[in-house]
Amino acid sequence: MDIFAPILHALQHFHLTAWKLVGFAGTFMFTSRWFVQLYYTRKHKRVVMPLSFWWLSVGGSALLLAYFTVGKNDSVGILSNFFPVFVSVYNLVVHLRHRRNSVTGDEV
């Protein structure tokens, strides 16, 4: 019994489409944000959520949402990526607003 037979069979029937590339790019972006956060946390020796974390979150979520909406028409994927887009955008706006207020000296 060859344990690799199902894997080889699946790879033979794998078709790379433009929408799969969008999905893979979104997955890569959304996953890479954790490595960015880990890097900054280790660098500063405290928990840090850098601006790039939120940009990767927004970009990755948006690409995954597009993939699941248009490329795959998968309601589970749509729902699982719909909420993170709004949370990431909200946190990005709060981060940028705080940065702008700290530069201008305005009250938050």
PDB file of N, CA and C in Angstrom:
ATOM      1  N   MET A   1       0.851  -1.194   0.000  1.00  0.00           N
ATOM      2  CA  MET A   1       0.000   0.000   0.000  1.00  0.00           C
ATOM      3  C   MET A   1       0.885   1.242   0.000  1.00  0.00           C
ATOM      4  N   ASP A   2       0.709   2.049  -0.995  1.00  0.00           N
ATOM      5  CA  ASP A   2       1.507   3.261  -1.144  1.00  0.00           C
ATOM      6  C   ASP A   2       0.785   4.422  -0.459  1.00  0.00           C
ATOM      7  N   ILE A   3       1.383   4.963   0.596  1.00  0.00           N
ATOM      8  CA  ILE A   3       0.727   6.056   1.334  1.00  0.00           C
ATOM      9  C   ILE A   3       0.733   7.366   0.550  1.00  0.00           C
ATOM     10  N   PHE A   4       1.588   7.452  -0.447  1.00  0.00           N
ATOM     11  CA  PHE A   4       1.671   8.674  -1.235  1.00  0.00           C
ATOM     12  C   PHE A   4       0.735   8.678  -2.437  1.00  0.00           C
ATOM     13  N   ALA A   5       0.084   7.570  -2.712  1.00  0.00           N
ATOM     14  CA  ALA A   5      -0.798   7.461  -3.879  1.00  0.00           C
ATOM     15  C   ALA A   5      -1.903   8.523  -3.881  1.00  0.00           C
ATOM     16  N   PRO A   6      -2.613   8.752  -2.744  1.00  0.00           N
ATOM     17  CA  PRO A   6      -3.651   9.798  -2.771  1.00  0.00           C
ATOM     18  C   PRO A   6      -3.090  11.197  -3.036  1.00  0.00           C
ATOM     19  N   ILE A   7      -1.915  11.462  -2.520  1.00  0.00           N
ATOM     20  CA  ILE A   7      -1.290  12.771  -2.729  1.00  0.00           C
ATOM     21  C   ILE A   7      -0.905  12.931  -4.195  1.00  0.00           C
ATOM     22  N   LEU A   8      -0.281  11.912  -4.755  1.00  0.00           N
ATOM     23  CA  LEU A   8       0.103  11.977  -6.168  1.00  0.00           C
ATOM     24  C   LEU A   8      -1.119  12.081  -7.067  1.00  0.00           C
ATOM     25  N   HIS A   9      -2.177  11.375  -6.714  1.00  0.00           N
ATOM     26  CA  HIS A   9      -3.415  11.450  -7.493  1.00  0.00           C
ATOM     27  C   HIS A   9      -3.991  12.877  -7.453  1.00  0.00           C
ATOM     28  N   ALA A  10      -3.999  13.483  -6.268  1.00  0.00           N
ATOM     29  CA  ALA A  10      -4.520  14.846  -6.120  1.00  0.00           C
ATOM     30  C   ALA A  10      -3.669  15.842  -6.911  1.00  0.00           C
ATOM     31  N   LEU A  11      -2.356  15.667  -6.901  1.00  0.00           N
ATOM     32  CA  LEU A  11      -1.469  16.582  -7.635  1.00  0.00           C
ATOM     33  C   LEU A  11      -1.646  16.458  -9.141  1.00  0.00           C
ATOM     34  N   GLN A  12      -1.987  15.270  -9.621  1.00  0.00           N
ATOM     35  CA  GLN A  12      -2.208  15.087 -11.058  1.00  0.00           C
ATOM     36  C   GLN A  12      -3.441  15.843 -11.525  1.00  0.00           C
ATOM     37  N   HIS A  13      -4.401  16.037 -10.632  1.00  0.00           N
ATOM     38  CA  HIS A  13      -5.649  16.700 -10.995  1.00  0.00           C
ATOM     39  C   HIS A  13      -5.694  18.152 -10.525  1.00  0.00           C
ATOM     40  N   PHE A  14      -4.548  18.683 -10.120  1.00  0.00           N
ATOM     41  CA  PHE A  14      -4.470  20.061  -9.654  1.00  0.00           C
ATOM     42  C   PHE A  14      -4.358  21.001 -10.853  1.00  0.00           C
ATOM     43  N   HIS A  15      -5.244  21.975 -10.915  1.00  0.00           N
ATOM     44  CA  HIS A  15      -5.225  22.961 -11.991  1.00  0.00           C
ATOM     45  C   HIS A  15      -5.043  24.337 -11.371  1.00  0.00           C
ATOM     46  N   LEU A  16      -3.975  25.003 -11.752  1.00  0.00           N
ATOM     47  CA  LEU A  16      -3.704  26.343 -11.240  1.00  0.00           C
ATOM     48  C   LEU A  16      -4.457  27.355 -12.097  1.00  0.00           C
ATOM     49  N   THR A  17      -5.332  28.101 -11.447  1.00  0.00           N
ATOM     50  CA  THR A  17      -6.106  29.131 -12.137  1.00  0.00           C
ATOM     51  C   THR A  17      -5.715  30.498 -11.583  1.00  0.00           C
ATOM     52  N   ALA A  18      -6.175  31.541 -12.243  1.00  0.00           N
ATOM     53  CA  ALA A  18      -5.902  32.904 -11.769  1.00  0.00           C
ATOM     54  C   ALA A  18      -6.512  33.109 -10.385  1.00  0.00           C
ATOM     55  N   TRP A  19      -7.699  32.570 -10.156  1.00  0.00           N
ATOM     56  CA  TRP A  19      -8.340  32.738  -8.848  1.00  0.00           C
ATOM     57  C   TRP A  19      -7.624  31.963  -7.760  1.00  0.00           C
ATOM     58  N   LYS A  20      -7.050  30.822  -8.099  1.00  0.00           N
ATOM     59  CA  LYS A  20      -6.248  30.098  -7.101  1.00  0.00           C
ATOM     60  C   LYS A  20      -5.007  30.899  -6.740  1.00  0.00           C
ATOM     61  N   LEU A  21      -4.415  31.574  -7.725  1.00  0.00           N
ATOM     62  CA  LEU A  21      -3.268  32.440  -7.426  1.00  0.00           C
ATOM     63  C   LEU A  21      -3.673  33.568  -6.482  1.00  0.00           C
ATOM     64  N   VAL A  22      -4.861  34.136  -6.690  1.00  0.00           N
ATOM     65  CA  VAL A  22      -5.379  35.163  -5.779  1.00  0.00           C
ATOM     66  C   VAL A  22      -5.539  34.575  -4.380  1.00  0.00           C
ATOM     67  N   GLY A  23      -6.112  33.383  -4.296  1.00  0.00           N
ATOM     68  CA  GLY A  23      -6.296  32.726  -2.998  1.00  0.00           C
ATOM     69  C   GLY A  23      -4.982  32.410  -2.315  1.00  0.00           C
ATOM     70  N   PHE A  24      -4.001  31.900  -3.081  1.00  0.00           N
ATOM     71  CA  PHE A  24      -2.685  31.614  -2.503  1.00  0.00           C
ATOM     72  C   PHE A  24      -1.993  32.893  -2.041  1.00  0.00           C
ATOM     73  N   ALA A  25      -2.107  33.967  -2.810  1.00  0.00           N
ATOM     74  CA  ALA A  25      -1.504  35.246  -2.422  1.00  0.00           C
ATOM     75  C   ALA A  25      -2.139  35.761  -1.133  1.00  0.00           C
ATOM     76  N   GLY A  26      -3.472  35.654  -1.037  1.00  0.00           N
ATOM     77  CA  GLY A  26      -4.159  36.083   0.181  1.00  0.00           C
ATOM     78  C   GLY A  26      -3.748  35.263   1.383  1.00  0.00           C
ATOM     79  N   THR A  27      -3.636  33.954   1.195  1.00  0.00           N
ATOM     80  CA  THR A  27      -3.204  33.072   2.285  1.00  0.00           C
ATOM     81  C   THR A  27      -1.787  33.414   2.721  1.00  0.00           C
ATOM     82  N   PHE A  28      -0.901  33.647   1.750  1.00  0.00           N
ATOM     83  CA  PHE A  28       0.481  34.011   2.069  1.00  0.00           C
ATOM     84  C   PHE A  28       0.536  35.323   2.845  1.00  0.00           C
ATOM     85  N   MET A  29      -0.207  36.335   2.380  1.00  0.00           N
ATOM     86  CA  MET A  29      -0.202  37.635   3.059  1.00  0.00           C
ATOM     87  C   MET A  29      -0.772  37.517   4.473  1.00  0.00           C
ATOM     88  N   PHE A  30      -1.907  36.822   4.602  1.00  0.00           N
ATOM     89  CA  PHE A  30      -2.567  36.722   5.898  1.00  0.00           C
ATOM     90  C   PHE A  30      -1.703  35.943   6.886  1.00  0.00           C
ATOM     91  N   THR A  31      -1.009  34.917   6.412  1.00  0.00           N
ATOM     92  CA  THR A  31      -0.136  34.130   7.285  1.00  0.00           C
ATOM     93  C   THR A  31       1.146  34.887   7.621  1.00  0.00           C
ATOM     94  N   SER A  32       1.698  35.610   6.654  1.00  0.00           N
ATOM     95  CA  SER A  32       2.973  36.295   6.878  1.00  0.00           C
ATOM     96  C   SER A  32       2.882  37.381   7.935  1.00  0.00           C
ATOM     97  N   ARG A  33       1.684  37.883   8.197  1.00  0.00           N
ATOM     98  CA  ARG A  33       1.545  38.934   9.208  1.00  0.00           C
ATOM     99  C   ARG A  33       1.984  38.441  10.579  1.00  0.00           C
ATOM    100  N   TRP A  34       1.819  37.146  10.853  1.00  0.00           N
ATOM    101  CA  TRP A  34       2.235  36.599  12.153  1.00  0.00           C
ATOM    102  C   TRP A  34       3.751  36.559  12.265  1.00  0.00           C
ATOM    103  N   PHE A  35       4.447  36.310  11.158  1.00  0.00           N
ATOM    104  CA  PHE A  35       5.903  36.334  11.191  1.00  0.00           C
ATOM    105  C   PHE A  35       6.414  37.761  11.371  1.00  0.00           C
ATOM    106  N   VAL A  36       5.738  38.729  10.785  1.00  0.00           N
ATOM    107  CA  VAL A  36       6.089  40.139  10.976  1.00  0.00           C
ATOM    108  C   VAL A  36       5.896  40.517  12.444  1.00  0.00           C
ATOM    109  N   GLN A  37       4.758  40.129  13.011  1.00  0.00           N
ATOM    110  CA  GLN A  37       4.474  40.449  14.417  1.00  0.00           C
ATOM    111  C   GLN A  37       5.497  39.773  15.336  1.00  0.00           C
ATOM    112  N   LEU A  38       5.851  38.532  15.053  1.00  0.00           N
ATOM    113  CA  LEU A  38       6.847  37.818  15.845  1.00  0.00           C
ATOM    114  C   LEU A  38       8.200  38.522  15.778  1.00  0.00           C
ATOM    115  N   TYR A  39       8.587  38.960  14.584  1.00  0.00           N
ATOM    116  CA  TYR A  39       9.860  39.660  14.413  1.00  0.00           C
ATOM    117  C   TYR A  39       9.908  40.935  15.262  1.00  0.00           C
ATOM    118  N   TYR A  40       8.856  41.762  15.186  1.00  0.00           N
ATOM    119  CA  TYR A  40       8.844  43.017  15.943  1.00  0.00           C
ATOM    120  C   TYR A  40       8.755  42.782  17.445  1.00  0.00           C
ATOM    121  N   THR A  41       8.045  41.750  17.855  1.00  0.00           N
ATOM    122  CA  THR A  41       7.957  41.438  19.276  1.00  0.00           C
ATOM    123  C   THR A  41       9.324  41.014  19.808  1.00  0.00           C
ATOM    124  N   ARG A  42      10.027  40.183  19.066  1.00  0.00           N
ATOM    125  CA  ARG A  42      11.363  39.765  19.497  1.00  0.00           C
ATOM    126  C   ARG A  42      12.341  40.941  19.481  1.00  0.00           C
ATOM    127  N   LYS A  43      12.218  41.790  18.482  1.00  0.00           N
ATOM    128  CA  LYS A  43      13.112  42.944  18.352  1.00  0.00           C
ATOM    129  C   LYS A  43      12.946  43.917  19.518  1.00  0.00           C
ATOM    130  N   HIS A  44      11.685  44.192  19.912  1.00  0.00           N
ATOM    131  CA  HIS A  44      11.408  45.172  20.966  1.00  0.00           C
ATOM    132  C   HIS A  44      11.250  44.549  22.345  1.00  0.00           C
ATOM    133  N   LYS A  45      11.297  43.204  22.410  1.00  0.00           N
ATOM    134  CA  LYS A  45      11.190  42.467  23.674  1.00  0.00           C
ATOM    135  C   LYS A  45       9.894  42.777  24.431  1.00  0.00           C
ATOM    136  N   ARG A  46       8.834  43.050  23.677  1.00  0.00           N
ATOM    137  CA  ARG A  46       7.479  43.230  24.187  1.00  0.00           C
ATOM    138  C   ARG A  46       6.530  42.999  23.019  1.00  0.00           C
ATOM    139  N   VAL A  47       5.277  42.778  23.302  1.00  0.00           N
ATOM    140  CA  VAL A  47       4.310  42.517  22.238  1.00  0.00           C
ATOM    141  C   VAL A  47       4.096  43.792  21.432  1.00  0.00           C
ATOM    142  N   VAL A  48       4.318  43.688  20.139  1.00  0.00           N
ATOM    143  CA  VAL A  48       4.198  44.832  19.238  1.00  0.00           C
ATOM    144  C   VAL A  48       3.344  44.408  18.046  1.00  0.00           C
ATOM    145  N   MET A  49       2.398  45.265  17.679  1.00  0.00           N
ATOM    146  CA  MET A  49       1.582  45.050  16.483  1.00  0.00           C
ATOM    147  C   MET A  49       1.934  46.169  15.506  1.00  0.00           C
ATOM    148  N   PRO A  50       2.917  45.941  14.635  1.00  0.00           N
ATOM    149  CA  PRO A  50       3.354  47.006  13.725  1.00  0.00           C
ATOM    150  C   PRO A  50       2.306  47.321  12.665  1.00  0.00           C
ATOM    151  N   LEU A  51       2.447  48.472  12.056  1.00  0.00           N
ATOM    152  CA  LEU A  51       1.524  48.902  11.015  1.00  0.00           C
ATOM    153  C   LEU A  51       1.470  47.896   9.866  1.00  0.00           C
ATOM    154  N   SER A  52       2.601  47.303   9.544  1.00  0.00           N
ATOM    155  CA  SER A  52       2.626  46.320   8.450  1.00  0.00           C
ATOM    156  C   SER A  52       1.746  45.109   8.758  1.00  0.00           C
ATOM    157  N   PHE A  53       1.574  44.765  10.039  1.00  0.00           N
ATOM    158  CA  PHE A  53       0.683  43.667  10.424  1.00  0.00           C
ATOM    159  C   PHE A  53      -0.730  43.952   9.943  1.00  0.00           C
ATOM    160  N   TRP A  54      -1.198  45.195  10.133  1.00  0.00           N
ATOM    161  CA  TRP A  54      -2.563  45.548   9.743  1.00  0.00           C
ATOM    162  C   TRP A  54      -2.707  45.641   8.236  1.00  0.00           C
ATOM    163  N   TRP A  55      -1.685  46.141   7.548  1.00  0.00           N
ATOM    164  CA  TRP A  55      -1.744  46.187   6.087  1.00  0.00           C
ATOM    165  C   TRP A  55      -1.797  44.782   5.501  1.00  0.00           C
ATOM    166  N   LEU A  56      -0.979  43.864   6.038  1.00  0.00           N
ATOM    167  CA  LEU A  56      -1.016  42.471   5.581  1.00  0.00           C
ATOM    168  C   LEU A  56      -2.363  41.828   5.891  1.00  0.00           C
ATOM    169  N   SER A  57      -2.947  42.182   7.042  1.00  0.00           N
ATOM    170  CA  SER A  57      -4.262  41.654   7.403  1.00  0.00           C
ATOM    171  C   SER A  57      -5.333  42.119   6.425  1.00  0.00           C
ATOM    172  N   VAL A  58      -5.329  43.410   6.113  1.00  0.00           N
ATOM    173  CA  VAL A  58      -6.320  43.960   5.193  1.00  0.00           C
ATOM    174  C   VAL A  58      -6.134  43.360   3.800  1.00  0.00           C
ATOM    175  N   GLY A  59      -4.903  43.363   3.315  1.00  0.00           N
ATOM    176  CA  GLY A  59      -4.634  42.838   1.976  1.00  0.00           C
ATOM    177  C   GLY A  59      -4.947  41.358   1.857  1.00  0.00           C
ATOM    178  N   GLY A  60      -4.497  40.581   2.831  1.00  0.00           N
ATOM    179  CA  GLY A  60      -4.754  39.143   2.804  1.00  0.00           C
ATOM    180  C   GLY A  60      -6.222  38.822   2.904  1.00  0.00           C
ATOM    181  N   SER A  61      -6.927  39.486   3.815  1.00  0.00           N
ATOM    182  CA  SER A  61      -8.370  39.259   3.959  1.00  0.00           C
ATOM    183  C   SER A  61      -9.129  39.653   2.705  1.00  0.00           C
ATOM    184  N   ALA A  62      -8.747  40.770   2.100  1.00  0.00           N
ATOM    185  CA  ALA A  62      -9.434  41.224   0.891  1.00  0.00           C
ATOM    186  C   ALA A  62      -9.220  40.247  -0.264  1.00  0.00           C
ATOM    187  N   LEU A  63      -7.988  39.756  -0.426  1.00  0.00           N
ATOM    188  CA  LEU A  63      -7.719  38.783  -1.483  1.00  0.00           C
ATOM    189  C   LEU A  63      -8.467  37.478  -1.238  1.00  0.00           C
ATOM    190  N   LEU A  64      -8.474  37.010   0.009  1.00  0.00           N
ATOM    191  CA  LEU A  64      -9.200  35.779   0.321  1.00  0.00           C
ATOM    192  C   LEU A  64     -10.700  35.962   0.143  1.00  0.00           C
ATOM    193  N   LEU A  65     -11.208  37.113   0.515  1.00  0.00           N
ATOM    194  CA  LEU A  65     -12.629  37.387   0.327  1.00  0.00           C
ATOM    195  C   LEU A  65     -12.974  37.399  -1.163  1.00  0.00           C
ATOM    196  N   ALA A  66     -12.125  37.999  -1.979  1.00  0.00           N
ATOM    197  CA  ALA A  66     -12.347  37.998  -3.433  1.00  0.00           C
ATOM    198  C   ALA A  66     -12.304  36.572  -3.979  1.00  0.00           C
ATOM    199  N   TYR A  67     -11.332  35.795  -3.520  1.00  0.00           N
ATOM    200  CA  TYR A  67     -11.218  34.414  -3.989  1.00  0.00           C
ATOM    201  C   TYR A  67     -12.468  33.605  -3.644  1.00  0.00           C
ATOM    202  N   PHE A  68     -12.897  33.688  -2.386  1.00  0.00           N
ATOM    203  CA  PHE A  68     -14.050  32.898  -1.966  1.00  0.00           C
ATOM    204  C   PHE A  68     -15.364  33.419  -2.538  1.00  0.00           C
ATOM    205  N   THR A  69     -15.422  34.712  -2.861  1.00  0.00           N
ATOM    206  CA  THR A  69     -16.652  35.282  -3.416  1.00  0.00           C
ATOM    207  C   THR A  69     -16.766  35.007  -4.913  1.00  0.00           C
ATOM    208  N   VAL A  70     -15.746  35.370  -5.664  1.00  0.00           N
ATOM    209  CA  VAL A  70     -15.814  35.284  -7.122  1.00  0.00           C
ATOM    210  C   VAL A  70     -15.215  33.975  -7.636  1.00  0.00           C
ATOM    211  N   GLY A  71     -14.043  33.623  -7.128  1.00  0.00           N
ATOM    212  CA  GLY A  71     -13.334  32.474  -7.662  1.00  0.00           C
ATOM    213  C   GLY A  71     -13.904  31.132  -7.273  1.00  0.00           C
ATOM    214  N   LYS A  72     -14.472  31.038  -6.086  1.00  0.00           N
ATOM    215  CA  LYS A  72     -14.927  29.744  -5.600  1.00  0.00           C
ATOM    216  C   LYS A  72     -16.400  29.716  -5.234  1.00  0.00           C
ATOM    217  N   ASN A  73     -16.993  30.863  -4.938  1.00  0.00           N
ATOM    218  CA  ASN A  73     -18.392  30.956  -4.509  1.00  0.00           C
ATOM    219  C   ASN A  73     -18.647  30.043  -3.313  1.00  0.00           C
ATOM    220  N   ASP A  74     -17.830  30.224  -2.281  1.00  0.00           N
ATOM    221  CA  ASP A  74     -17.870  29.384  -1.084  1.00  0.00           C
ATOM    222  C   ASP A  74     -18.334  30.224   0.096  1.00  0.00           C
ATOM    223  N   SER A  75     -19.544  29.955   0.576  1.00  0.00           N
ATOM    224  CA  SER A  75     -20.125  30.771   1.648  1.00  0.00           C
ATOM    225  C   SER A  75     -19.342  30.659   2.956  1.00  0.00           C
ATOM    226  N   VAL A  76     -18.765  29.512   3.240  1.00  0.00           N
ATOM    227  CA  VAL A  76     -17.971  29.359   4.468  1.00  0.00           C
ATOM    228  C   VAL A  76     -16.726  30.242   4.389  1.00  0.00           C
ATOM    229  N   GLY A  77     -16.050  30.230   3.265  1.00  0.00           N
ATOM    230  CA  GLY A  77     -14.868  31.077   3.078  1.00  0.00           C
ATOM    231  C   GLY A  77     -15.213  32.554   3.115  1.00  0.00           C
ATOM    232  N   ILE A  78     -16.366  32.905   2.543  1.00  0.00           N
ATOM    233  CA  ILE A  78     -16.797  34.303   2.559  1.00  0.00           C
ATOM    234  C   ILE A  78     -17.020  34.759   3.989  1.00  0.00           C
ATOM    235  N   LEU A  79     -17.770  33.984   4.754  1.00  0.00           N
ATOM    236  CA  LEU A  79     -18.055  34.365   6.144  1.00  0.00           C
ATOM    237  C   LEU A  79     -16.801  34.389   7.009  1.00  0.00           C
ATOM    238  N   SER A  80     -15.883  33.454   6.773  1.00  0.00           N
ATOM    239  CA  SER A  80     -14.679  33.406   7.610  1.00  0.00           C
ATOM    240  C   SER A  80     -13.702  34.533   7.295  1.00  0.00           C
ATOM    241  N   ASN A  81     -13.843  35.197   6.158  1.00  0.00           N
ATOM    242  CA  ASN A  81     -12.946  36.298   5.804  1.00  0.00           C
ATOM    243  C   ASN A  81     -13.630  37.652   5.783  1.00  0.00           C
ATOM    244  N   PHE A  82     -14.937  37.675   5.940  1.00  0.00           N
ATOM    245  CA  PHE A  82     -15.689  38.926   5.920  1.00  0.00           C
ATOM    246  C   PHE A  82     -15.410  39.756   7.173  1.00  0.00           C
ATOM    247  N   PHE A  83     -15.494  39.139   8.336  1.00  0.00           N
ATOM    248  CA  PHE A  83     -15.288  39.855   9.592  1.00  0.00           C
ATOM    249  C   PHE A  83     -13.851  40.357   9.763  1.00  0.00           C
ATOM    250  N   PRO A  84     -12.816  39.537   9.478  1.00  0.00           N
ATOM    251  CA  PRO A  84     -11.442  40.045   9.649  1.00  0.00           C
ATOM    252  C   PRO A  84     -11.121  41.278   8.814  1.00  0.00           C
ATOM    253  N   VAL A  85     -11.754  41.440   7.654  1.00  0.00           N
ATOM    254  CA  VAL A  85     -11.503  42.643   6.850  1.00  0.00           C
ATOM    255  C   VAL A  85     -11.897  43.883   7.636  1.00  0.00           C
ATOM    256  N   PHE A  86     -13.073  43.860   8.252  1.00  0.00           N
ATOM    257  CA  PHE A  86     -13.539  45.032   8.993  1.00  0.00           C
ATOM    258  C   PHE A  86     -12.711  45.288  10.248  1.00  0.00           C
ATOM    259  N   VAL A  87     -12.352  44.238  10.954  1.00  0.00           N
ATOM    260  CA  VAL A  87     -11.528  44.402  12.158  1.00  0.00           C
ATOM    261  C   VAL A  87     -10.161  44.968  11.783  1.00  0.00           C
ATOM    262  N   SER A  88      -9.571  44.446  10.723  1.00  0.00           N
ATOM    263  CA  SER A  88      -8.250  44.923  10.293  1.00  0.00           C
ATOM    264  C   SER A  88      -8.298  46.374   9.820  1.00  0.00           C
ATOM    265  N   VAL A  89      -9.319  46.729   9.055  1.00  0.00           N
ATOM    266  CA  VAL A  89      -9.460  48.115   8.597  1.00  0.00           C
ATOM    267  C   VAL A  89      -9.662  49.039   9.790  1.00  0.00           C
ATOM    268  N   TYR A  90     -10.511  48.639  10.733  1.00  0.00           N
ATOM    269  CA  TYR A  90     -10.752  49.451  11.930  1.00  0.00           C
ATOM    270  C   TYR A  90      -9.440  49.677  12.698  1.00  0.00           C
ATOM    271  N   ASN A  91      -8.679  48.601  12.934  1.00  0.00           N
ATOM    272  CA  ASN A  91      -7.423  48.734  13.669  1.00  0.00           C
ATOM    273  C   ASN A  91      -6.408  49.567  12.897  1.00  0.00           C
ATOM    274  N   LEU A  92      -6.400  49.461  11.586  1.00  0.00           N
ATOM    275  CA  LEU A  92      -5.508  50.279  10.773  1.00  0.00           C
ATOM    276  C   LEU A  92      -5.878  51.754  10.889  1.00  0.00           C
ATOM    277  N   VAL A  93      -7.161  52.074  10.835  1.00  0.00           N
ATOM    278  CA  VAL A  93      -7.627  53.461  10.972  1.00  0.00           C
ATOM    279  C   VAL A  93      -7.272  54.010  12.355  1.00  0.00           C
ATOM    280  N   VAL A  94      -7.517  53.224  13.402  1.00  0.00           N
ATOM    281  CA  VAL A  94      -7.182  53.660  14.766  1.00  0.00           C
ATOM    282  C   VAL A  94      -5.680  53.894  14.888  1.00  0.00           C
ATOM    283  N   HIS A  95      -4.879  52.994  14.340  1.00  0.00           N
ATOM    284  CA  HIS A  95      -3.424  53.128  14.392  1.00  0.00           C
ATOM    285  C   HIS A  95      -2.967  54.403  13.685  1.00  0.00           C
ATOM    286  N   LEU A  96      -3.486  54.631  12.480  1.00  0.00           N
ATOM    287  CA  LEU A  96      -3.095  55.827  11.722  1.00  0.00           C
ATOM    288  C   LEU A  96      -3.589  57.108  12.383  1.00  0.00           C
ATOM    289  N   ARG A  97      -4.796  57.084  12.941  1.00  0.00           N
ATOM    290  CA  ARG A  97      -5.335  58.253  13.634  1.00  0.00           C
ATOM    291  C   ARG A  97      -4.499  58.577  14.870  1.00  0.00           C
ATOM    292  N   HIS A  98      -4.116  57.554  15.616  1.00  0.00           N
ATOM    293  CA  HIS A  98      -3.288  57.754  16.813  1.00  0.00           C
ATOM    294  C   HIS A  98      -1.924  58.321  16.422  1.00  0.00           C
ATOM    295  N   ARG A  99      -1.358  57.782  15.350  1.00  0.00           N
ATOM    296  CA  ARG A  99      -0.055  58.279  14.893  1.00  0.00           C
ATOM    297  C   ARG A  99      -0.156  59.741  14.463  1.00  0.00           C
ATOM    298  N   ARG A 100      -1.225  60.094  13.731  1.00  0.00           N
ATOM    299  CA  ARG A 100      -1.411  61.475  13.279  1.00  0.00           C
ATOM    300  C   ARG A 100      -1.595  62.405  14.476  1.00  0.00           C
ATOM    301  N   ASN A 101      -2.404  61.976  15.463  1.00  0.00           N
ATOM    302  CA  ASN A 101      -2.637  62.821  16.642  1.00  0.00           C
ATOM    303  C   ASN A 101      -1.383  62.989  17.483  1.00  0.00           C
ATOM    304  N   SER A 102      -0.538  61.956  17.539  1.00  0.00           N
ATOM    305  CA  SER A 102       0.693  62.085  18.328  1.00  0.00           C
ATOM    306  C   SER A 102       1.686  63.006  17.634  1.00  0.00           C
ATOM    307  N   VAL A 103       1.625  63.100  16.303  1.00  0.00           N
ATOM    308  CA  VAL A 103       2.505  64.003  15.561  1.00  0.00           C
ATOM    309  C   VAL A 103       2.014  65.444  15.686  1.00  0.00           C
ATOM    310  N   THR A 104       0.688  65.654  15.584  1.00  0.00           N
ATOM    311  CA  THR A 104       0.140  67.009  15.622  1.00  0.00           C
ATOM    312  C   THR A 104      -0.087  67.509  17.036  1.00  0.00           C
ATOM    313  N   GLY A 105      -0.101  66.601  18.018  1.00  0.00           N
ATOM    314  CA  GLY A 105      -0.348  66.992  19.387  1.00  0.00           C
ATOM    315  C   GLY A 105      -1.806  67.145  19.728  1.00  0.00           C
ATOM    316  N   ASP A 106      -2.701  66.747  18.832  1.00  0.00           N
ATOM    317  CA  ASP A 106      -4.133  66.825  19.083  1.00  0.00           C
ATOM    318  C   ASP A 106      -4.548  65.806  20.122  1.00  0.00           C
ATOM    319  N   GLU A 107      -5.633  66.113  20.807  1.00  0.00           N
ATOM    320  CA  GLU A 107      -6.202  65.157  21.764  1.00  0.00           C
ATOM    321  C   GLU A 107      -6.827  64.001  21.005  1.00  0.00           C
ATOM    322  N   VAL A 108      -6.754  62.837  21.581  1.00  0.00           N
ATOM    323  CA  VAL A 108      -7.337  61.651  20.960  1.00  0.00           C
ATOM    324  C   VAL A 108      -8.805  61.573  21.258  1.00  0.00           C
TER     325      VAL A 108
END
